[in-house]
Amino acid sequence: RTDDLITAALDRLDRAAEETLYEDLRGYDDVNRALNLIC
């Protein structure tokens, strides 16, 4: 369902905020896809 996809994308962005402490997320396709979907 669309709301499931949106929720999953929002959750991915939440996790990215924490992961950026340890990783360079600029090339992470899943983060970019989540950002594009939400935006």
PDB file of all heavy atoms in Angstrom:
ATOM      1  N   ARG A   1       0.842  -1.182   0.000  1.00  0.00           N
ATOM      2  CA  ARG A   1       0.000   0.000   0.000  1.00  0.00           C
ATOM      3  C   ARG A   1       0.882   1.239   0.000  1.00  0.00           C
ATOM      4  O   ARG A   1       2.001   1.226   0.516  1.00  0.00           O
ATOM      5  CB  ARG A   1      -0.896  -0.003   1.228  1.00  0.00           C
ATOM      6  CG  ARG A   1      -1.866  -1.142   1.250  1.00  0.00           C
ATOM      7  CD  ARG A   1      -2.733  -1.146   2.458  1.00  0.00           C
ATOM      8  NE  ARG A   1      -2.237  -0.294   3.539  1.00  0.00           N
ATOM      9  CZ  ARG A   1      -2.882  -0.093   4.668  1.00  0.00           C
ATOM     10  NH1 ARG A   1      -4.017  -0.679   4.882  1.00  0.00           N
ATOM     11  NH2 ARG A   1      -2.382   0.682   5.604  1.00  0.00           N
ATOM     12  N   THR A   2       0.352   2.304  -0.560  1.00  0.00           N
ATOM     13  CA  THR A   2       1.108   3.544  -0.640  1.00  0.00           C
ATOM     14  C   THR A   2       1.551   4.023   0.733  1.00  0.00           C
ATOM     15  O   THR A   2       2.698   4.442   0.910  1.00  0.00           O
ATOM     16  CB  THR A   2       0.268   4.635  -1.332  1.00  0.00           C
ATOM     17  OG1 THR A   2      -0.091   4.169  -2.629  1.00  0.00           O
ATOM     18  CG2 THR A   2       1.033   5.930  -1.462  1.00  0.00           C
ATOM     19  N   ASP A   3       0.670   3.939   1.728  1.00  0.00           N
ATOM     20  CA  ASP A   3       1.072   4.418   3.051  1.00  0.00           C
ATOM     21  C   ASP A   3       2.168   3.551   3.658  1.00  0.00           C
ATOM     22  O   ASP A   3       3.000   4.035   4.421  1.00  0.00           O
ATOM     23  CB  ASP A   3      -0.115   4.575   3.996  1.00  0.00           C
ATOM     24  CG  ASP A   3      -0.904   3.314   4.217  1.00  0.00           C
ATOM     25  OD1 ASP A   3      -0.821   2.396   3.397  1.00  0.00           O
ATOM     26  OD2 ASP A   3      -1.633   3.243   5.225  1.00  0.00           O
ATOM     27  N   ASP A   4       2.210   2.260   3.299  1.00  0.00           N
ATOM     28  CA  ASP A   4       3.307   1.401   3.762  1.00  0.00           C
ATOM     29  C   ASP A   4       4.630   1.841   3.144  1.00  0.00           C
ATOM     30  O   ASP A   4       5.664   1.850   3.821  1.00  0.00           O
ATOM     31  CB  ASP A   4       3.047  -0.062   3.415  1.00  0.00           C
ATOM     32  CG  ASP A   4       1.896  -0.665   4.192  1.00  0.00           C
ATOM     33  OD1 ASP A   4       1.560  -0.137   5.276  1.00  0.00           O
ATOM     34  OD2 ASP A   4       1.320  -1.664   3.709  1.00  0.00           O
ATOM     35  N   LEU A   5       4.607   2.192   1.870  1.00  0.00           N
ATOM     36  CA  LEU A   5       5.828   2.656   1.201  1.00  0.00           C
ATOM     37  C   LEU A   5       6.310   3.975   1.793  1.00  0.00           C
ATOM     38  O   LEU A   5       7.504   4.164   2.028  1.00  0.00           O
ATOM     39  CB  LEU A   5       5.582   2.822  -0.301  1.00  0.00           C
ATOM     40  CG  LEU A   5       5.371   1.545  -1.094  1.00  0.00           C
ATOM     41  CD1 LEU A   5       4.961   1.879  -2.514  1.00  0.00           C
ATOM     42  CD2 LEU A   5       6.634   0.704  -1.090  1.00  0.00           C
ATOM     43  N   ILE A   6       5.374   4.866   2.033  1.00  0.00           N
ATOM     44  CA  ILE A   6       5.735   6.160   2.609  1.00  0.00           C
ATOM     45  C   ILE A   6       6.296   5.985   4.013  1.00  0.00           C
ATOM     46  O   ILE A   6       7.328   6.573   4.365  1.00  0.00           O
ATOM     47  CB  ILE A   6       4.525   7.113   2.595  1.00  0.00           C
ATOM     48  CG1 ILE A   6       4.192   7.477   1.145  1.00  0.00           C
ATOM     49  CG2 ILE A   6       4.798   8.366   3.421  1.00  0.00           C
ATOM     50  CD1 ILE A   6       2.863   8.163   0.970  1.00  0.00           C
ATOM     51  N   THR A   7       5.648   5.154   4.812  1.00  0.00           N
ATOM     52  CA  THR A   7       6.133   4.904   6.171  1.00  0.00           C
ATOM     53  C   THR A   7       7.528   4.298   6.143  1.00  0.00           C
ATOM     54  O   THR A   7       8.414   4.708   6.908  1.00  0.00           O
ATOM     55  CB  THR A   7       5.154   3.987   6.935  1.00  0.00           C
ATOM     56  OG1 THR A   7       3.894   4.653   7.028  1.00  0.00           O
ATOM     57  CG2 THR A   7       5.658   3.681   8.330  1.00  0.00           C
ATOM     58  N   ALA A   8       7.757   3.344   5.252  1.00  0.00           N
ATOM     59  CA  ALA A   8       9.083   2.721   5.139  1.00  0.00           C
ATOM     60  C   ALA A   8      10.131   3.750   4.712  1.00  0.00           C
ATOM     61  O   ALA A   8      11.254   3.758   5.235  1.00  0.00           O
ATOM     62  CB  ALA A   8       9.038   1.557   4.156  1.00  0.00           C
ATOM     63  N   ALA A   9       9.775   4.625   3.792  1.00  0.00           N
ATOM     64  CA  ALA A   9      10.719   5.652   3.336  1.00  0.00           C
ATOM     65  C   ALA A   9      11.021   6.644   4.455  1.00  0.00           C
ATOM     66  O   ALA A   9      12.179   7.030   4.656  1.00  0.00           O
ATOM     67  CB  ALA A   9      10.154   6.368   2.113  1.00  0.00           C
ATOM     68  N   LEU A  10      10.001   7.059   5.187  1.00  0.00           N
ATOM     69  CA  LEU A  10      10.223   7.966   6.316  1.00  0.00           C
ATOM     70  C   LEU A  10      11.097   7.318   7.387  1.00  0.00           C
ATOM     71  O   LEU A  10      11.997   7.956   7.939  1.00  0.00           O
ATOM     72  CB  LEU A  10       8.885   8.404   6.914  1.00  0.00           C
ATOM     73  CG  LEU A  10       8.047   9.351   6.058  1.00  0.00           C
ATOM     74  CD1 LEU A  10       6.632   9.456   6.606  1.00  0.00           C
ATOM     75  CD2 LEU A  10       8.704  10.716   5.964  1.00  0.00           C
ATOM     76  N   ASP A  11      10.852   6.048   7.651  1.00  0.00           N
ATOM     77  CA  ASP A  11      11.674   5.325   8.628  1.00  0.00           C
ATOM     78  C   ASP A  11      13.121   5.235   8.155  1.00  0.00           C
ATOM     79  O   ASP A  11      14.053   5.344   8.965  1.00  0.00           O
ATOM     80  CB  ASP A  11      11.112   3.929   8.878  1.00  0.00           C
ATOM     81  CG  ASP A  11       9.802   3.950   9.650  1.00  0.00           C
ATOM     82  OD1 ASP A  11       9.441   5.001  10.223  1.00  0.00           O
ATOM     83  OD2 ASP A  11       9.121   2.899   9.669  1.00  0.00           O
ATOM     84  N   ARG A  12      13.319   5.055   6.847  1.00  0.00           N
ATOM     85  CA  ARG A  12      14.682   4.979   6.313  1.00  0.00           C
ATOM     86  C   ARG A  12      15.407   6.301   6.509  1.00  0.00           C
ATOM     87  O   ARG A  12      16.596   6.340   6.839  1.00  0.00           O
ATOM     88  CB  ARG A  12      14.657   4.593   4.826  1.00  0.00           C
ATOM     89  CG  ARG A  12      16.046   4.459   4.218  1.00  0.00           C
ATOM     90  CD  ARG A  12      16.821   3.340   4.901  1.00  0.00           C
ATOM     91  NE  ARG A  12      18.207   3.286   4.511  1.00  0.00           N
ATOM     92  CZ  ARG A  12      19.223   3.682   5.283  1.00  0.00           C
ATOM     93  NH1 ARG A  12      19.005   4.162   6.500  1.00  0.00           N
ATOM     94  NH2 ARG A  12      20.462   3.589   4.867  1.00  0.00           N
ATOM     95  N   LEU A  13      14.694   7.406   6.314  1.00  0.00           N
ATOM     96  CA  LEU A  13      15.319   8.710   6.517  1.00  0.00           C
ATOM     97  C   LEU A  13      15.644   8.941   7.986  1.00  0.00           C
ATOM     98  O   LEU A  13      16.695   9.518   8.304  1.00  0.00           O
ATOM     99  CB  LEU A  13      14.412   9.815   5.968  1.00  0.00           C
ATOM    100  CG  LEU A  13      14.196   9.780   4.453  1.00  0.00           C
ATOM    101  CD1 LEU A  13      13.246  10.887   4.027  1.00  0.00           C
ATOM    102  CD2 LEU A  13      15.509   9.847   3.686  1.00  0.00           C
ATOM    103  N   ASP A  14      14.792   8.476   8.869  1.00  0.00           N
ATOM    104  CA  ASP A  14      15.088   8.560  10.313  1.00  0.00           C
ATOM    105  C   ASP A  14      16.378   7.811  10.637  1.00  0.00           C
ATOM    106  O   ASP A  14      17.238   8.312  11.371  1.00  0.00           O
ATOM    107  CB  ASP A  14      13.946   7.981  11.142  1.00  0.00           C
ATOM    108  CG  ASP A  14      12.701   8.855  11.161  1.00  0.00           C
ATOM    109  OD1 ASP A  14      12.806  10.073  10.911  1.00  0.00           O
ATOM    110  OD2 ASP A  14      11.618   8.310  11.433  1.00  0.00           O
ATOM    111  N   ARG A  15      16.502   6.592  10.107  1.00  0.00           N
ATOM    112  CA  ARG A  15      17.713   5.802  10.366  1.00  0.00           C
ATOM    113  C   ARG A  15      18.949   6.448   9.748  1.00  0.00           C
ATOM    114  O   ARG A  15      20.040   6.393  10.317  1.00  0.00           O
ATOM    115  CB  ARG A  15      17.543   4.374   9.836  1.00  0.00           C
ATOM    116  CG  ARG A  15      16.593   3.534  10.661  1.00  0.00           C
ATOM    117  CD  ARG A  15      16.637   2.054  10.298  1.00  0.00           C
ATOM    118  NE  ARG A  15      16.694   1.757   8.889  1.00  0.00           N
ATOM    119  CZ  ARG A  15      15.631   1.671   8.077  1.00  0.00           C
ATOM    120  NH1 ARG A  15      14.416   1.870   8.543  1.00  0.00           N
ATOM    121  NH2 ARG A  15      15.786   1.374   6.802  1.00  0.00           N
ATOM    122  N   ALA A  16      18.780   7.072   8.600  1.00  0.00           N
ATOM    123  CA  ALA A  16      19.906   7.726   7.931  1.00  0.00           C
ATOM    124  C   ALA A  16      20.495   8.840   8.801  1.00  0.00           C
ATOM    125  O   ALA A  16      21.708   9.025   8.825  1.00  0.00           O
ATOM    126  CB  ALA A  16      19.460   8.287   6.579  1.00  0.00           C
ATOM    127  N   ALA A  17      19.630   9.534   9.517  1.00  0.00           N
ATOM    128  CA  ALA A  17      20.108  10.606  10.393  1.00  0.00           C
ATOM    129  C   ALA A  17      21.060  10.067  11.453  1.00  0.00           C
ATOM    130  O   ALA A  17      22.025  10.733  11.832  1.00  0.00           O
ATOM    131  CB  ALA A  17      18.922  11.322  11.040  1.00  0.00           C
ATOM    132  N   GLU A  18      20.811   8.867  11.924  1.00  0.00           N
ATOM    133  CA  GLU A  18      21.711   8.242  12.905  1.00  0.00           C
ATOM    134  C   GLU A  18      22.943   7.645  12.223  1.00  0.00           C
ATOM    135  O   GLU A  18      24.066   7.791  12.711  1.00  0.00           O
ATOM    136  CB  GLU A  18      20.956   7.147  13.657  1.00  0.00           C
ATOM    137  CG  GLU A  18      21.766   6.533  14.762  1.00  0.00           C
ATOM    138  CD  GLU A  18      20.971   5.523  15.569  1.00  0.00           C
ATOM    139  OE1 GLU A  18      19.767   5.735  15.778  1.00  0.00           O
ATOM    140  OE2 GLU A  18      21.570   4.522  15.985  1.00  0.00           O
ATOM    141  N   GLU A  19      22.739   6.992  11.094  1.00  0.00           N
ATOM    142  CA  GLU A  19      23.845   6.326  10.392  1.00  0.00           C
ATOM    143  C   GLU A  19      24.893   7.304   9.889  1.00  0.00           C
ATOM    144  O   GLU A  19      26.055   6.931   9.718  1.00  0.00           O
ATOM    145  CB  GLU A  19      23.299   5.517   9.215  1.00  0.00           C
ATOM    146  CG  GLU A  19      22.484   4.323   9.634  1.00  0.00           C
ATOM    147  CD  GLU A  19      21.744   3.682   8.466  1.00  0.00           C
ATOM    148  OE1 GLU A  19      21.872   4.167   7.321  1.00  0.00           O
ATOM    149  OE2 GLU A  19      21.027   2.709   8.716  1.00  0.00           O
ATOM    150  N   THR A  20      24.496   8.548   9.657  1.00  0.00           N
ATOM    151  CA  THR A  20      25.443   9.518   9.122  1.00  0.00           C
ATOM    152  C   THR A  20      26.561   9.843  10.113  1.00  0.00           C
ATOM    153  O   THR A  20      27.580  10.411   9.732  1.00  0.00           O
ATOM    154  CB  THR A  20      24.724  10.799   8.660  1.00  0.00           C
ATOM    155  OG1 THR A  20      25.604  11.548   7.829  1.00  0.00           O
ATOM    156  CG2 THR A  20      24.271  11.647   9.836  1.00  0.00           C
ATOM    157  N   LEU A  21      26.369   9.456  11.370  1.00  0.00           N
ATOM    158  CA  LEU A  21      27.454   9.614  12.338  1.00  0.00           C
ATOM    159  C   LEU A  21      28.661   8.764  11.960  1.00  0.00           C
ATOM    160  O   LEU A  21      29.798   9.101  12.305  1.00  0.00           O
ATOM    161  CB  LEU A  21      26.973   9.216  13.736  1.00  0.00           C
ATOM    162  CG  LEU A  21      26.019  10.185  14.421  1.00  0.00           C
ATOM    163  CD1 LEU A  21      25.381   9.522  15.638  1.00  0.00           C
ATOM    164  CD2 LEU A  21      26.757  11.459  14.817  1.00  0.00           C
ATOM    165  N   TYR A  22      28.420   7.659  11.271  1.00  0.00           N
ATOM    166  CA  TYR A  22      29.478   6.678  10.989  1.00  0.00           C
ATOM    167  C   TYR A  22      29.711   6.416   9.510  1.00  0.00           C
ATOM    168  O   TYR A  22      30.712   5.789   9.159  1.00  0.00           O
ATOM    169  CB  TYR A  22      29.130   5.346  11.673  1.00  0.00           C
ATOM    170  CG  TYR A  22      28.717   5.538  13.101  1.00  0.00           C
ATOM    171  CD1 TYR A  22      27.384   5.487  13.477  1.00  0.00           C
ATOM    172  CD2 TYR A  22      29.656   5.820  14.086  1.00  0.00           C
ATOM    173  CE1 TYR A  22      26.991   5.690  14.794  1.00  0.00           C
ATOM    174  CE2 TYR A  22      29.273   6.028  15.403  1.00  0.00           C
ATOM    175  CZ  TYR A  22      27.943   5.960  15.751  1.00  0.00           C
ATOM    176  OH  TYR A  22      27.561   6.167  17.046  1.00  0.00           O
ATOM    177  N   GLU A  23      28.786   6.844   8.663  1.00  0.00           N
ATOM    178  CA  GLU A  23      28.857   6.523   7.244  1.00  0.00           C
ATOM    179  C   GLU A  23      28.669   7.774   6.390  1.00  0.00           C
ATOM    180  O   GLU A  23      27.946   8.687   6.770  1.00  0.00           O
ATOM    181  CB  GLU A  23      27.741   5.531   6.865  1.00  0.00           C
ATOM    182  CG  GLU A  23      27.781   4.208   7.592  1.00  0.00           C
ATOM    183  CD  GLU A  23      28.895   3.302   7.121  1.00  0.00           C
ATOM    184  OE1 GLU A  23      29.344   3.451   5.972  1.00  0.00           O
ATOM    185  OE2 GLU A  23      29.317   2.450   7.911  1.00  0.00           O
ATOM    186  N   ASP A  24      29.271   7.757   5.207  1.00  0.00           N
ATOM    187  CA  ASP A  24      29.016   8.783   4.206  1.00  0.00           C
ATOM    188  C   ASP A  24      27.837   8.285   3.376  1.00  0.00           C
ATOM    189  O   ASP A  24      27.964   7.341   2.598  1.00  0.00           O
ATOM    190  CB  ASP A  24      30.259   8.974   3.333  1.00  0.00           C
ATOM    191  CG  ASP A  24      30.048   9.997   2.240  1.00  0.00           C
ATOM    192  OD1 ASP A  24      28.919  10.532   2.096  1.00  0.00           O
ATOM    193  OD2 ASP A  24      31.017  10.266   1.511  1.00  0.00           O
ATOM    194  N   LEU A  25      26.682   8.881   3.555  1.00  0.00           N
ATOM    195  CA  LEU A  25      25.448   8.398   2.939  1.00  0.00           C
ATOM    196  C   LEU A  25      25.180   8.965   1.554  1.00  0.00           C
ATOM    197  O   LEU A  25      24.169   8.631   0.939  1.00  0.00           O
ATOM    198  CB  LEU A  25      24.250   8.723   3.843  1.00  0.00           C
ATOM    199  CG  LEU A  25      24.307   8.153   5.254  1.00  0.00           C
ATOM    200  CD1 LEU A  25      23.090   8.601   6.039  1.00  0.00           C
ATOM    201  CD2 LEU A  25      24.400   6.640   5.215  1.00  0.00           C
ATOM    202  N   ARG A  26      26.068   9.791   1.051  1.00  0.00           N
ATOM    203  CA  ARG A  26      25.799  10.443  -0.232  1.00  0.00           C
ATOM    204  C   ARG A  26      25.564   9.458  -1.364  1.00  0.00           C
ATOM    205  O   ARG A  26      24.786   9.739  -2.255  1.00  0.00           O
ATOM    206  CB  ARG A  26      26.924  11.401  -0.589  1.00  0.00           C
ATOM    207  CG  ARG A  26      26.929  12.623   0.313  1.00  0.00           C
ATOM    208  CD  ARG A  26      28.082  13.505   0.037  1.00  0.00           C
ATOM    209  NE  ARG A  26      29.304  12.833   0.513  1.00  0.00           N
ATOM    210  CZ  ARG A  26      30.504  13.358   0.479  1.00  0.00           C
ATOM    211  NH1 ARG A  26      30.681  14.568   0.008  1.00  0.00           N
ATOM    212  NH2 ARG A  26      31.549  12.695   0.942  1.00  0.00           N
ATOM    213  N   GLY A  27      26.176   8.303  -1.344  1.00  0.00           N
ATOM    214  CA  GLY A  27      26.017   7.342  -2.427  1.00  0.00           C
ATOM    215  C   GLY A  27      25.036   6.220  -2.121  1.00  0.00           C
ATOM    216  O   GLY A  27      24.938   5.268  -2.891  1.00  0.00           O
ATOM    217  N   TYR A  28      24.317   6.313  -1.035  1.00  0.00           N
ATOM    218  CA  TYR A  28      23.390   5.246  -0.644  1.00  0.00           C
ATOM    219  C   TYR A  28      22.106   5.357  -1.466  1.00  0.00           C
ATOM    220  O   TYR A  28      21.289   6.253  -1.248  1.00  0.00           O
ATOM    221  CB  TYR A  28      23.064   5.327   0.849  1.00  0.00           C
ATOM    222  CG  TYR A  28      24.107   4.722   1.751  1.00  0.00           C
ATOM    223  CD1 TYR A  28      25.466   4.874   1.504  1.00  0.00           C
ATOM    224  CD2 TYR A  28      23.729   4.007   2.867  1.00  0.00           C
ATOM    225  CE1 TYR A  28      26.410   4.324   2.353  1.00  0.00           C
ATOM    226  CE2 TYR A  28      24.674   3.449   3.725  1.00  0.00           C
ATOM    227  CZ  TYR A  28      26.011   3.617   3.455  1.00  0.00           C
ATOM    228  OH  TYR A  28      26.935   3.062   4.291  1.00  0.00           O
ATOM    229  N   ASP A  29      21.927   4.427  -2.393  1.00  0.00           N
ATOM    230  CA  ASP A  29      20.760   4.463  -3.271  1.00  0.00           C
ATOM    231  C   ASP A  29      19.449   4.362  -2.506  1.00  0.00           C
ATOM    232  O   ASP A  29      18.474   5.019  -2.863  1.00  0.00           O
ATOM    233  CB  ASP A  29      20.826   3.339  -4.310  1.00  0.00           C
ATOM    234  CG  ASP A  29      21.905   3.573  -5.347  1.00  0.00           C
ATOM    235  OD1 ASP A  29      22.321   4.739  -5.540  1.00  0.00           O
ATOM    236  OD2 ASP A  29      22.333   2.592  -5.979  1.00  0.00           O
ATOM    237  N   ASP A  30      19.410   3.546  -1.449  1.00  0.00           N
ATOM    238  CA  ASP A  30      18.147   3.392  -0.722  1.00  0.00           C
ATOM    239  C   ASP A  30      17.744   4.685  -0.016  1.00  0.00           C
ATOM    240  O   ASP A  30      16.557   5.030   0.034  1.00  0.00           O
ATOM    241  CB  ASP A  30      18.200   2.222   0.257  1.00  0.00           C
ATOM    242  CG  ASP A  30      19.265   2.367   1.324  1.00  0.00           C
ATOM    243  OD1 ASP A  30      20.325   2.982   1.057  1.00  0.00           O
ATOM    244  OD2 ASP A  30      19.049   1.857   2.436  1.00  0.00           O
ATOM    245  N   VAL A  31      18.723   5.433   0.472  1.00  0.00           N
ATOM    246  CA  VAL A  31      18.420   6.715   1.105  1.00  0.00           C
ATOM    247  C   VAL A  31      17.940   7.704   0.039  1.00  0.00           C
ATOM    248  O   VAL A  31      16.952   8.419   0.248  1.00  0.00           O
ATOM    249  CB  VAL A  31      19.635   7.272   1.867  1.00  0.00           C
ATOM    250  CG1 VAL A  31      19.356   8.670   2.410  1.00  0.00           C
ATOM    251  CG2 VAL A  31      20.037   6.324   2.997  1.00  0.00           C
ATOM    252  N   ASN A  32      18.598   7.726  -1.095  1.00  0.00           N
ATOM    253  CA  ASN A  32      18.182   8.620  -2.179  1.00  0.00           C
ATOM    254  C   ASN A  32      16.787   8.281  -2.687  1.00  0.00           C
ATOM    255  O   ASN A  32      15.991   9.182  -2.954  1.00  0.00           O
ATOM    256  CB  ASN A  32      19.196   8.589  -3.323  1.00  0.00           C
ATOM    257  CG  ASN A  32      20.481   9.301  -2.963  1.00  0.00           C
ATOM    258  OD1 ASN A  32      20.466  10.337  -2.306  1.00  0.00           O
ATOM    259  ND2 ASN A  32      21.594   8.740  -3.375  1.00  0.00           N
ATOM    260  N   ARG A  33      16.484   6.999  -2.821  1.00  0.00           N
ATOM    261  CA  ARG A  33      15.133   6.594  -3.258  1.00  0.00           C
ATOM    262  C   ARG A  33      14.089   7.008  -2.236  1.00  0.00           C
ATOM    263  O   ARG A  33      13.020   7.512  -2.597  1.00  0.00           O
ATOM    264  CB  ARG A  33      15.068   5.088  -3.499  1.00  0.00           C
ATOM    265  CG  ARG A  33      15.679   4.649  -4.811  1.00  0.00           C
ATOM    266  CD  ARG A  33      15.353   3.198  -5.141  1.00  0.00           C
ATOM    267  NE  ARG A  33      15.744   2.268  -4.101  1.00  0.00           N
ATOM    268  CZ  ARG A  33      16.926   1.681  -4.011  1.00  0.00           C
ATOM    269  NH1 ARG A  33      17.846   1.913  -4.922  1.00  0.00           N
ATOM    270  NH2 ARG A  33      17.200   0.851  -3.029  1.00  0.00           N
ATOM    271  N   ALA A  34      14.387   6.813  -0.956  1.00  0.00           N
ATOM    272  CA  ALA A  34      13.445   7.216   0.103  1.00  0.00           C
ATOM    273  C   ALA A  34      13.225   8.722   0.068  1.00  0.00           C
ATOM    274  O   ALA A  34      12.081   9.191   0.135  1.00  0.00           O
ATOM    275  CB  ALA A  34      13.971   6.770   1.473  1.00  0.00           C
ATOM    276  N   LEU A  35      14.296   9.479  -0.054  1.00  0.00           N
ATOM    277  CA  LEU A  35      14.183  10.933  -0.103  1.00  0.00           C
ATOM    278  C   LEU A  35      13.365  11.372  -1.312  1.00  0.00           C
ATOM    279  O   LEU A  35      12.473  12.219  -1.196  1.00  0.00           O
ATOM    280  CB  LEU A  35      15.582  11.565  -0.136  1.00  0.00           C
ATOM    281  CG  LEU A  35      15.628  13.090  -0.111  1.00  0.00           C
ATOM    282  CD1 LEU A  35      15.069  13.633   1.198  1.00  0.00           C
ATOM    283  CD2 LEU A  35      17.063  13.556  -0.322  1.00  0.00           C
ATOM    284  N   ASN A  36      13.635  10.788  -2.461  1.00  0.00           N
ATOM    285  CA  ASN A  36      12.897  11.155  -3.673  1.00  0.00           C
ATOM    286  C   ASN A  36      11.415  10.828  -3.545  1.00  0.00           C
ATOM    287  O   ASN A  36      10.563  11.631  -3.940  1.00  0.00           O
ATOM    288  CB  ASN A  36      13.492  10.461  -4.894  1.00  0.00           C
ATOM    289  CG  ASN A  36      14.855  11.002  -5.258  1.00  0.00           C
ATOM    290  OD1 ASN A  36      15.199  12.131  -4.921  1.00  0.00           O
ATOM    291  ND2 ASN A  36      15.653  10.201  -5.929  1.00  0.00           N
ATOM    292  N   LEU A  37      11.092   9.669  -3.010  1.00  0.00           N
ATOM    293  CA  LEU A  37       9.693   9.274  -2.844  1.00  0.00           C
ATOM    294  C   LEU A  37       8.964  10.255  -1.932  1.00  0.00           C
ATOM    295  O   LEU A  37       7.889  10.756  -2.268  1.00  0.00           O
ATOM    296  CB  LEU A  37       9.594   7.854  -2.278  1.00  0.00           C
ATOM    297  CG  LEU A  37       8.185   7.391  -1.912  1.00  0.00           C
ATOM    298  CD1 LEU A  37       7.332   7.227  -3.166  1.00  0.00           C
ATOM    299  CD2 LEU A  37       8.238   6.083  -1.136  1.00  0.00           C
ATOM    300  N   ILE A  38       9.551  10.542  -0.796  1.00  0.00           N
ATOM    301  CA  ILE A  38       8.903  11.421   0.174  1.00  0.00           C
ATOM    302  C   ILE A  38       8.765  12.843  -0.376  1.00  0.00           C
ATOM    303  O   ILE A  38       7.740  13.494  -0.196  1.00  0.00           O
ATOM    304  CB  ILE A  38       9.694  11.432   1.502  1.00  0.00           C
ATOM    305  CG1 ILE A  38       9.625  10.057   2.155  1.00  0.00           C
ATOM    306  CG2 ILE A  38       9.178  12.505   2.448  1.00  0.00           C
ATOM    307  CD1 ILE A  38       8.230   9.533   2.379  1.00  0.00           C
ATOM    308  N   CYS A  39       9.783  13.309  -1.055  1.00  0.00           N
ATOM    309  CA  CYS A  39       9.782  14.699  -1.511  1.00  0.00           C
ATOM    310  C   CYS A  39       8.920  14.935  -2.743  1.00  0.00           C
ATOM    311  O   CYS A  39       8.526  16.076  -2.993  1.00  0.00           O
ATOM    312  CB  CYS A  39      11.213  15.152  -1.763  1.00  0.00           C
ATOM    313  SG  CYS A  39      12.130  15.351  -0.218  1.00  0.00           S
TER     314      CYS A  39
END
